[in-house]
Amino acid sequence: MEEIKELLETKQYTGLRQKLTEYNDADIAAILEELSPQDMIKVFRILSKDTAADVFAYLDVDNQQKIITSLSDSEAAGIINGMMADDATDLFEEMPANIVKRLLANVSPEARRDINHLLRYPEDSAGSIMTVEYVDLKENLTVSQALERIRKVGVDSETINVCYVLDAGRHLLGTAALRYLLLSDPDAIIGDIMHENVISVNTLMDQEAVARQFKKYDFTSMPVVDNENRLVGIITVDDIMDIMEEEVTEDIEKMNAIVPSDKPYMKTGVLETWKKRIPWLLLLMVSATFTGKIIQKYEDALKACAVLTAFIPMLMDTGGNAGGQASATIIRGLSLEEFGFRDIFKVVWKEMRVAVVCGATLAVANFVKLLLIDRVTVSVALVVCITLVAAVMIAKFIGSTLPIFAKRIGFDPTVVASPFITTIVDAVSLIAYFGIATAILHI
């Protein structure tokens, strides 16, 4: 970076351009994002036309917008024409409509057609993330003719590792891997050597489901077809990696009671962050009033045995943690489709056995602590330890069943995760605590 900045400050643009040719496109993008907006645009203009288009695809959306709006219409059109259609579509989805309209008016007819084609698909669907740059072959071609076509159109394709065999109506018939074509007889017919058992996804399939298909079959690319099995595009593994990152981030935010955001943390303003967090905080604050009401109801019991108050935080925290562990495991299993609603009794049976073992272990350790360190009576220690087992069992039950029921009725399981479960577990555990205390201590 120091050398790059020095060349930039001394206006040695020829040397700077030569220096940048030594780097990978992704590394150049990383260098640009380290610079100020003015210097970033200046260095971007130094790049060759082809390199600029490749580097542009690696920049984040904010920097892409800064650069594209600083270029002339013809320069911007050149960049977009050099991008893959799916990358250009991602950019346009984040830009104001008036800028998109202006840019589309200047790009090539082919690029405009491909981008408009992708923009019409629902957000987060397979159609919205696919690319239309792929190699298609006719089934009656010979291997030598197919290789000639790959040489002709492959340079502008997302990948040439797998070619897709179509009939006259563009229906997907099979695939032909490049390595098999290279090893086959030049006069062999594509229709005779193609792989007919093709795994494809529909244009309207959710992107998270598409990612699971990639994981299941260990593919690097996958064809996307419409309802009539006509090939309309392909999805490559680099897009799937981005989707997996998005989905994991979204789930983490939901599990921690935050409305998901599309922006990176450092580029999200204070007020915007406040808007994302405050709805759930308000809801959880209101729901937590039930906990206060329960404590108020048993106020006389606490006065009769004030020492019970000291153990309420420990019981609530343990129950919340146990519920959070169960819910995280169940949500992951649901997202990976390891089990479904039909398996709920198996899940509950397993979690209850885990709860008994965990609760008993915690109770024994806590019983010793209560007698030796806290110096409470045996009866109080029994109340706390029995409640501890009950709290863990209650938490495991709620943490394992609530996400399953949520998905069953169409809600996102992550929405009912840790914070919401903790609130429920706290209330139920307190009721159990005071009920056990009343029964054993007769207060």
Protein backbone atom coordinates (compact mmCIF):
# COMPACT_ATOMS: atom_id res chain seq x y z
CA MET A 1 0.00 0.00 0.00
CA GLU A 2 2.83 2.39 0.81
CA GLU A 3 4.36 1.91 -2.62
CA ILE A 4 0.97 2.36 -4.31
CA LYS A 5 0.27 5.56 -2.36
CA GLU A 6 3.75 6.91 -3.11
CA LEU A 7 3.29 6.35 -6.85
CA LEU A 8 -0.11 8.00 -6.63
CA GLU A 9 1.14 11.04 -4.67
CA THR A 10 4.07 11.58 -7.05
CA LYS A 11 1.72 11.19 -10.04
CA GLN A 12 3.74 8.33 -11.54
CA TYR A 13 0.65 6.95 -13.24
CA THR A 14 2.47 4.82 -15.79
CA GLY A 15 4.48 3.13 -13.05
CA LEU A 16 1.35 2.74 -10.96
CA ARG A 17 -0.51 1.07 -13.81
CA GLN A 18 2.43 -1.26 -14.39
CA LYS A 19 2.63 -2.06 -10.68
CA LEU A 20 -1.06 -2.96 -10.52
CA THR A 21 -0.65 -5.49 -13.33
CA GLU A 22 1.36 -7.61 -10.89
CA TYR A 23 -1.71 -8.17 -8.70
CA ASN A 24 -4.77 -10.36 -8.91
CA ASP A 25 -8.05 -8.57 -9.70
CA ALA A 26 -9.39 -9.28 -6.19
CA ASP A 27 -6.20 -7.84 -4.66
CA ILE A 28 -6.50 -4.70 -6.77
CA ALA A 29 -10.07 -4.29 -5.52
CA ALA A 30 -8.82 -4.63 -1.94
CA ILE A 31 -6.19 -1.95 -2.62
CA LEU A 32 -8.81 0.41 -4.06
CA GLU A 33 -11.03 0.03 -1.01
CA GLU A 34 -8.12 1.09 1.23
CA LEU A 35 -7.88 4.43 -0.60
CA SER A 36 -9.95 7.57 -0.17
CA PRO A 37 -12.94 7.87 -2.55
CA GLN A 38 -11.11 10.42 -4.71
CA ASP A 39 -7.94 8.32 -4.99
CA MET A 40 -9.99 5.15 -5.54
CA ILE A 41 -11.69 6.70 -8.56
CA LYS A 42 -8.38 8.07 -9.84
CA VAL A 43 -6.64 4.68 -9.64
CA PHE A 44 -9.65 2.91 -11.16
CA ARG A 45 -9.42 5.17 -14.22
CA ILE A 46 -5.78 4.14 -14.64
CA LEU A 47 -6.71 0.47 -15.12
CA SER A 48 -7.14 -1.00 -18.57
CA LYS A 49 -10.69 -1.47 -19.80
CA ASP A 50 -10.74 -5.24 -19.35
CA THR A 51 -9.02 -5.16 -15.96
CA ALA A 52 -11.34 -2.39 -14.74
CA ALA A 53 -14.43 -4.49 -15.50
CA ASP A 54 -13.00 -7.50 -13.67
CA VAL A 55 -11.85 -5.48 -10.66
CA PHE A 56 -15.17 -3.65 -10.47
CA ALA A 57 -17.01 -6.94 -9.79
CA TYR A 58 -14.92 -7.48 -6.62
CA LEU A 59 -15.73 -4.09 -5.06
CA ASP A 60 -18.51 -3.74 -2.52
CA VAL A 61 -21.74 -2.13 -3.70
CA ASP A 62 -21.09 1.27 -2.08
CA ASN A 63 -17.77 1.67 -3.84
CA GLN A 64 -19.22 0.40 -7.10
CA GLN A 65 -21.85 3.12 -6.93
CA LYS A 66 -19.23 5.81 -6.18
CA ILE A 67 -17.18 4.76 -9.19
CA ILE A 68 -20.01 4.20 -11.65
CA THR A 69 -21.58 7.59 -10.90
CA SER A 70 -18.21 9.32 -11.38
CA LEU A 71 -17.76 7.92 -14.90
CA SER A 72 -19.22 9.25 -18.12
CA ASP A 73 -22.14 7.36 -19.63
CA SER A 74 -19.91 5.72 -22.21
CA GLU A 75 -17.28 4.75 -19.63
CA ALA A 76 -19.93 3.33 -17.28
CA ALA A 77 -21.49 1.41 -20.16
CA GLY A 78 -18.10 -0.08 -20.99
CA ILE A 79 -17.66 -1.32 -17.43
CA ILE A 80 -21.15 -2.84 -17.28
CA ASN A 81 -20.76 -4.46 -20.71
CA GLY A 82 -17.61 -6.15 -19.40
CA MET A 83 -19.29 -7.50 -16.25
CA MET A 84 -21.10 -10.78 -15.88
CA ALA A 85 -24.86 -10.21 -16.08
CA ASP A 86 -25.51 -11.46 -12.53
CA ASP A 87 -22.89 -9.08 -11.07
CA ALA A 88 -24.35 -6.16 -13.03
CA THR A 89 -27.83 -7.08 -11.82
CA ASP A 90 -26.67 -7.09 -8.18
CA LEU A 91 -25.33 -3.57 -8.71
CA PHE A 92 -28.52 -2.28 -10.32
CA GLU A 93 -30.70 -3.70 -7.55
CA GLU A 94 -28.94 -1.39 -5.07
CA MET A 95 -28.94 1.77 -7.20
CA PRO A 96 -31.60 4.49 -7.57
CA ALA A 97 -34.06 3.91 -10.41
CA ASN A 98 -33.07 7.07 -12.33
CA ILE A 99 -29.39 6.02 -12.45
CA VAL A 100 -30.33 2.47 -13.50
CA LYS A 101 -32.49 3.84 -16.30
CA ARG A 102 -29.65 6.05 -17.54
CA LEU A 103 -27.09 3.25 -17.43
CA LEU A 104 -29.35 0.72 -19.16
CA ALA A 105 -29.92 3.19 -21.96
CA ASN A 106 -26.19 3.18 -22.76
CA VAL A 107 -25.18 -0.48 -22.40
CA SER A 108 -25.18 -2.91 -25.29
CA PRO A 109 -28.52 -4.46 -26.33
CA GLU A 110 -27.27 -7.89 -25.25
CA ALA A 111 -26.29 -6.69 -21.77
CA ARG A 112 -29.57 -4.77 -21.41
CA ARG A 113 -31.55 -7.85 -22.34
CA ASP A 114 -29.69 -10.08 -19.91
CA ILE A 115 -29.92 -7.60 -17.02
CA ASN A 116 -33.63 -6.93 -17.55
CA HIS A 117 -34.16 -10.68 -17.73
CA LEU A 118 -32.57 -11.17 -14.31
CA LEU A 119 -34.22 -8.14 -12.69
CA ARG A 120 -37.70 -9.56 -13.22
CA TYR A 121 -37.17 -12.53 -10.89
CA PRO A 122 -38.20 -12.34 -7.21
CA GLU A 123 -35.49 -11.29 -4.75
CA ASP A 124 -33.59 -14.22 -3.19
CA SER A 125 -34.78 -16.63 -5.87
CA ALA A 126 -32.55 -18.79 -8.08
CA GLY A 127 -33.49 -16.63 -11.07
CA SER A 128 -32.24 -13.47 -9.36
CA ILE A 129 -28.75 -14.87 -8.68
CA MET A 130 -28.14 -16.86 -11.86
CA THR A 131 -26.01 -15.74 -14.77
CA VAL A 132 -26.96 -16.08 -18.42
CA GLU A 133 -23.35 -16.43 -19.60
CA TYR A 134 -22.89 -20.16 -20.18
CA VAL A 135 -21.93 -22.53 -22.99
CA ASP A 136 -24.80 -24.42 -24.61
CA LEU A 137 -24.43 -27.17 -27.18
CA LYS A 138 -26.81 -28.85 -29.61
CA GLU A 139 -27.17 -32.60 -29.23
CA ASN A 140 -26.35 -33.30 -32.90
CA LEU A 141 -22.93 -31.59 -32.81
CA THR A 142 -19.75 -33.62 -33.00
CA VAL A 143 -17.12 -33.27 -30.29
CA SER A 144 -14.83 -31.28 -32.60
CA GLN A 145 -17.69 -28.91 -33.45
CA ALA A 146 -18.51 -28.54 -29.77
CA LEU A 147 -14.90 -27.64 -28.92
CA GLU A 148 -14.91 -25.08 -31.69
CA ARG A 149 -18.05 -23.49 -30.23
CA ILE A 150 -16.46 -23.43 -26.77
CA ARG A 151 -13.46 -21.56 -28.21
CA LYS A 152 -15.85 -19.07 -29.79
CA VAL A 153 -18.19 -18.28 -26.88
CA GLY A 154 -16.25 -19.54 -23.84
CA VAL A 155 -14.29 -16.33 -23.27
CA ASP A 156 -17.50 -14.50 -22.32
CA SER A 157 -18.95 -17.35 -20.24
CA GLU A 158 -18.97 -17.64 -16.45
CA THR A 159 -17.52 -21.16 -16.71
CA ILE A 160 -16.69 -23.66 -19.44
CA ASN A 161 -16.05 -26.64 -17.18
CA VAL A 162 -19.57 -27.91 -17.83
CA CYS A 163 -21.52 -27.33 -21.06
CA TYR A 164 -25.27 -27.76 -21.33
CA VAL A 165 -26.89 -29.77 -24.10
CA LEU A 166 -30.17 -28.39 -25.44
CA ASP A 167 -32.69 -29.37 -28.09
CA ALA A 168 -34.22 -26.98 -30.64
CA GLY A 169 -36.69 -25.70 -28.02
CA ARG A 170 -33.86 -24.99 -25.52
CA HIS A 171 -35.03 -27.80 -23.24
CA LEU A 172 -32.22 -29.15 -21.07
CA LEU A 173 -31.26 -32.64 -22.22
CA GLY A 174 -27.94 -33.23 -20.51
CA THR A 175 -24.47 -31.96 -19.69
CA ALA A 176 -21.05 -32.45 -21.20
CA ALA A 177 -17.97 -31.81 -19.06
CA LEU A 178 -15.07 -30.18 -20.88
CA ARG A 179 -12.59 -32.84 -19.74
CA TYR A 180 -14.75 -35.59 -21.29
CA LEU A 181 -14.97 -33.65 -24.55
CA LEU A 182 -11.19 -33.31 -24.65
CA LEU A 183 -10.77 -37.06 -24.10
CA SER A 184 -13.53 -38.18 -26.51
CA ASP A 185 -13.33 -39.10 -30.18
CA PRO A 186 -13.56 -35.87 -32.24
CA ASP A 187 -16.27 -37.46 -34.42
CA ALA A 188 -18.43 -38.65 -31.52
CA ILE A 189 -21.92 -37.11 -31.30
CA ILE A 190 -22.67 -34.99 -28.21
CA GLY A 191 -26.08 -36.60 -27.77
CA ASP A 192 -24.41 -40.01 -27.48
CA ILE A 193 -21.80 -39.10 -24.87
CA MET A 194 -23.63 -36.49 -22.77
CA HIS A 195 -24.62 -37.11 -19.16
CA GLU A 196 -28.41 -37.31 -19.14
CA ASN A 197 -29.13 -37.45 -15.40
CA VAL A 198 -29.06 -33.67 -14.87
CA ILE A 199 -29.66 -32.04 -11.50
CA SER A 200 -31.21 -28.59 -11.99
CA VAL A 201 -33.07 -25.96 -9.98
CA ASN A 202 -36.16 -23.94 -10.83
CA THR A 203 -35.95 -20.20 -11.37
CA LEU A 204 -38.29 -19.56 -8.40
CA MET A 205 -36.49 -21.81 -5.90
CA ASP A 206 -35.30 -19.96 -2.79
CA GLN A 207 -31.57 -19.21 -2.81
CA GLU A 208 -31.08 -20.96 0.54
CA ALA A 209 -32.57 -24.15 -0.93
CA VAL A 210 -30.25 -23.75 -3.93
CA ALA A 211 -27.26 -23.56 -1.57
CA ARG A 212 -28.36 -26.83 0.05
CA GLN A 213 -28.48 -28.46 -3.41
CA PHE A 214 -24.89 -27.36 -4.07
CA LYS A 215 -23.81 -28.81 -0.73
CA LYS A 216 -25.68 -32.06 -1.32
CA TYR A 217 -24.26 -32.74 -4.77
CA ASP A 218 -20.89 -30.97 -4.35
CA PHE A 219 -21.31 -29.04 -7.61
CA THR A 220 -19.38 -26.01 -8.83
CA SER A 221 -22.21 -24.92 -11.13
CA MET A 222 -25.85 -25.84 -11.59
CA PRO A 223 -28.35 -25.16 -14.40
CA VAL A 224 -31.48 -23.09 -13.77
CA VAL A 225 -34.61 -24.04 -15.71
CA ASP A 226 -38.13 -22.65 -16.01
CA ASN A 227 -41.34 -24.60 -15.44
CA GLU A 228 -41.03 -26.16 -18.91
CA ASN A 229 -37.46 -27.39 -18.30
CA ARG A 230 -35.96 -24.78 -20.63
CA LEU A 231 -32.48 -23.62 -19.64
CA VAL A 232 -32.46 -19.93 -18.69
CA GLY A 233 -29.18 -19.62 -16.79
CA ILE A 234 -26.66 -21.18 -14.43
CA ILE A 235 -25.56 -20.57 -10.85
CA THR A 236 -21.90 -20.93 -9.92
CA VAL A 237 -20.33 -21.78 -6.58
CA ASP A 238 -18.92 -18.26 -6.04
CA ASP A 239 -22.49 -16.94 -5.89
CA ILE A 240 -23.43 -19.70 -3.46
CA MET A 241 -20.62 -18.71 -1.10
CA ASP A 242 -22.00 -15.16 -1.00
CA ILE A 243 -25.50 -16.50 -0.33
CA MET A 244 -24.33 -18.72 2.51
CA GLU A 245 -22.61 -15.74 4.12
CA GLU A 246 -25.79 -13.66 3.77
CA GLU A 247 -28.02 -16.38 5.19
CA VAL A 248 -25.75 -17.11 8.16
CA THR A 249 -25.51 -13.38 8.95
CA GLU A 250 -29.28 -13.03 8.73
CA ASP A 251 -29.85 -16.00 11.03
CA ILE A 252 -27.36 -14.71 13.60
CA GLU A 253 -29.06 -11.31 13.62
CA LYS A 254 -32.51 -12.84 13.99
CA MET A 255 -31.37 -15.18 16.77
CA ASN A 256 -30.13 -12.13 18.67
CA ALA A 257 -33.33 -10.13 18.17
CA ILE A 258 -31.98 -7.80 15.49
CA VAL A 259 -33.86 -6.96 12.29
CA PRO A 260 -31.54 -8.17 9.48
CA SER A 261 -29.56 -5.51 7.59
CA ASP A 262 -28.01 -5.66 4.13
CA LYS A 263 -25.20 -3.24 5.01
CA PRO A 264 -21.86 -4.03 6.69
CA TYR A 265 -21.64 -2.99 10.34
CA MET A 266 -19.18 -0.13 9.80
CA LYS A 267 -21.36 1.34 7.03
CA THR A 268 -24.59 1.28 9.01
CA GLY A 269 -25.44 4.57 10.72
CA VAL A 270 -26.38 4.93 14.38
CA LEU A 271 -30.03 5.73 13.67
CA GLU A 272 -30.32 2.88 11.20
CA THR A 273 -28.79 0.47 13.73
CA TRP A 274 -31.24 1.81 16.34
CA LYS A 275 -34.17 1.09 14.02
CA LYS A 276 -32.96 -2.48 13.51
CA ARG A 277 -32.57 -3.23 17.22
CA ILE A 278 -35.26 -1.28 19.06
CA PRO A 279 -38.41 -3.21 17.92
CA TRP A 280 -37.32 -6.48 19.52
CA LEU A 281 -35.89 -4.72 22.58
CA LEU A 282 -39.26 -3.05 23.17
CA LEU A 283 -41.11 -6.33 22.69
CA LEU A 284 -38.79 -8.23 25.01
CA MET A 285 -38.97 -5.48 27.60
CA VAL A 286 -42.76 -5.63 27.60
CA SER A 287 -42.76 -9.43 27.69
CA ALA A 288 -40.31 -9.37 30.62
CA THR A 289 -42.94 -7.58 32.72
CA PHE A 290 -44.52 -11.00 33.20
CA THR A 291 -41.39 -11.99 35.13
CA GLY A 292 -41.82 -8.97 37.37
CA LYS A 293 -45.49 -9.79 37.96
CA ILE A 294 -44.58 -13.34 39.02
CA ILE A 295 -42.02 -12.03 41.54
CA GLN A 296 -44.61 -9.55 42.88
CA LYS A 297 -47.13 -12.35 43.30
CA TYR A 298 -44.73 -14.32 45.50
CA GLU A 299 -43.47 -11.26 47.40
CA ASP A 300 -44.69 -12.65 50.72
CA ALA A 301 -42.82 -15.90 50.16
CA LEU A 302 -39.62 -13.96 49.44
CA LYS A 303 -40.07 -11.96 52.64
CA ALA A 304 -40.45 -15.18 54.61
CA CYS A 305 -37.26 -16.61 53.08
CA ALA A 306 -35.27 -13.73 51.67
CA VAL A 307 -32.30 -15.93 50.76
CA LEU A 308 -34.31 -17.32 47.83
CA THR A 309 -33.94 -13.98 46.07
CA ALA A 310 -30.18 -14.41 45.72
CA PHE A 311 -30.56 -17.48 43.49
CA ILE A 312 -33.11 -16.09 41.02
CA PRO A 313 -30.47 -14.70 38.57
CA MET A 314 -28.57 -18.00 38.55
CA LEU A 315 -31.72 -20.03 37.84
CA MET A 316 -32.90 -17.67 35.12
CA ASP A 317 -29.49 -17.51 33.43
CA THR A 318 -29.05 -21.29 33.52
CA GLY A 319 -32.50 -21.85 32.06
CA GLY A 320 -31.94 -19.24 29.36
CA ASN A 321 -28.58 -20.74 28.42
CA ALA A 322 -30.01 -24.27 28.28
CA GLY A 323 -32.87 -23.10 26.09
CA GLY A 324 -30.50 -21.18 23.84
CA GLN A 325 -28.33 -24.27 23.36
CA ALA A 326 -31.32 -26.40 22.41
CA SER A 327 -32.81 -23.80 20.05
CA ALA A 328 -29.50 -23.20 18.25
CA THR A 329 -29.08 -26.94 17.64
CA ILE A 330 -32.67 -27.38 16.48
CA ILE A 331 -32.60 -24.34 14.17
CA ARG A 332 -29.42 -25.61 12.55
CA GLY A 333 -30.98 -29.05 12.07
CA LEU A 334 -34.11 -27.50 10.54
CA SER A 335 -32.10 -25.33 8.16
CA LEU A 336 -30.10 -28.37 7.00
CA GLU A 337 -33.31 -30.42 6.76
CA GLU A 338 -31.92 -33.08 9.09
CA PHE A 339 -35.41 -33.51 10.57
CA GLY A 340 -38.89 -32.02 10.33
CA PHE A 341 -42.15 -31.67 12.23
CA ARG A 342 -42.81 -35.41 12.00
CA ASP A 343 -39.70 -36.00 14.13
CA ILE A 344 -40.77 -33.71 16.97
CA PHE A 345 -41.34 -36.55 19.47
CA LYS A 346 -37.89 -38.00 18.75
CA VAL A 347 -36.36 -34.56 19.24
CA VAL A 348 -38.22 -33.96 22.52
CA TRP A 349 -37.31 -37.42 23.84
CA LYS A 350 -33.64 -36.83 23.11
CA GLU A 351 -33.63 -33.31 24.60
CA MET A 352 -35.41 -34.49 27.75
CA ARG A 353 -32.77 -37.14 28.35
CA VAL A 354 -30.05 -34.55 27.76
CA ALA A 355 -31.87 -32.18 30.13
CA VAL A 356 -32.02 -34.77 32.91
CA VAL A 357 -28.29 -35.52 32.66
CA CYS A 358 -27.30 -31.84 32.41
CA GLY A 359 -29.71 -30.78 35.14
CA ALA A 360 -28.58 -33.52 37.52
CA THR A 361 -24.91 -32.63 36.97
CA LEU A 362 -25.58 -28.94 37.62
CA ALA A 363 -27.73 -29.75 40.66
CA VAL A 364 -25.07 -31.91 42.31
CA ALA A 365 -22.36 -29.31 41.74
CA ASN A 366 -24.65 -26.54 42.94
CA PHE A 367 -25.77 -28.49 46.03
CA VAL A 368 -22.17 -28.77 47.20
CA LYS A 369 -21.58 -25.06 46.50
CA LEU A 370 -24.74 -24.02 48.38
CA LEU A 371 -23.77 -25.95 51.51
CA LEU A 372 -20.04 -25.19 51.58
CA ILE A 373 -19.84 -21.66 50.18
CA ASP A 374 -23.27 -20.06 50.50
CA ARG A 375 -23.92 -21.77 53.86
CA VAL A 376 -27.66 -22.22 53.31
CA THR A 377 -29.83 -24.87 54.92
CA VAL A 378 -30.31 -28.26 53.29
CA SER A 379 -33.97 -27.49 52.57
CA VAL A 380 -33.11 -24.26 50.71
CA ALA A 381 -30.37 -26.11 48.79
CA LEU A 382 -32.93 -28.76 47.79
CA VAL A 383 -35.35 -26.09 46.56
CA VAL A 384 -32.69 -24.45 44.43
CA CYS A 385 -31.32 -27.71 43.02
CA ILE A 386 -34.71 -29.24 42.23
CA THR A 387 -35.69 -25.98 40.52
CA LEU A 388 -32.42 -26.07 38.60
CA VAL A 389 -33.27 -29.49 37.16
CA ALA A 390 -36.81 -28.34 36.38
CA ALA A 391 -35.56 -25.12 34.74
CA VAL A 392 -33.17 -27.02 32.48
CA MET A 393 -35.90 -29.48 31.48
CA ILE A 394 -38.38 -26.69 30.81
CA ALA A 395 -35.80 -24.75 28.81
CA LYS A 396 -34.78 -27.74 26.71
CA PHE A 397 -38.42 -28.55 25.99
CA ILE A 398 -39.31 -25.00 24.94
CA GLY A 399 -36.03 -24.48 23.09
CA SER A 400 -36.50 -27.64 21.05
CA THR A 401 -40.22 -27.44 20.28
CA LEU A 402 -40.80 -23.73 19.67
CA PRO A 403 -38.59 -23.49 16.52
CA ILE A 404 -40.20 -26.65 15.09
CA PHE A 405 -43.72 -25.33 15.65
CA ALA A 406 -42.69 -21.94 14.26
CA LYS A 407 -41.48 -23.50 11.02
CA ARG A 408 -44.59 -25.68 10.85
CA ILE A 409 -46.90 -22.67 10.81
CA GLY A 410 -44.72 -20.72 8.39
CA PHE A 411 -42.59 -18.50 10.66
CA ASP A 412 -38.81 -18.25 10.53
CA PRO A 413 -37.48 -20.44 13.40
CA THR A 414 -34.64 -18.00 14.07
CA VAL A 415 -37.16 -15.31 15.05
CA VAL A 416 -38.26 -17.33 18.10
CA ALA A 417 -34.71 -18.17 19.11
CA SER A 418 -32.67 -17.22 22.16
CA PRO A 419 -34.14 -13.87 23.35
CA PHE A 420 -37.77 -14.90 22.94
CA ILE A 421 -37.18 -18.36 24.37
CA THR A 422 -35.26 -16.91 27.32
CA THR A 423 -38.20 -14.67 28.23
CA ILE A 424 -40.60 -17.62 28.25
CA VAL A 425 -38.20 -19.86 30.16
CA ASP A 426 -37.59 -17.16 32.79
CA ALA A 427 -41.30 -16.83 33.53
CA VAL A 428 -42.00 -20.57 33.66
CA SER A 429 -38.89 -21.26 35.74
CA LEU A 430 -39.87 -18.64 38.32
CA ILE A 431 -43.32 -20.18 38.68
CA ALA A 432 -41.67 -23.58 39.22
CA TYR A 433 -39.17 -22.06 41.68
CA PHE A 434 -41.78 -20.50 43.93
CA GLY A 435 -44.04 -23.52 43.63
CA ILE A 436 -41.27 -25.86 44.80
CA ALA A 437 -40.21 -23.43 47.53
CA THR A 438 -43.78 -23.21 48.82
CA ALA A 439 -44.13 -27.01 48.87
CA ILE A 440 -40.81 -27.74 50.61
CA LEU A 441 -40.38 -24.74 52.90
CA HIS A 442 -44.10 -24.23 53.62
CA ILE A 443 -43.89 -20.48 53.09
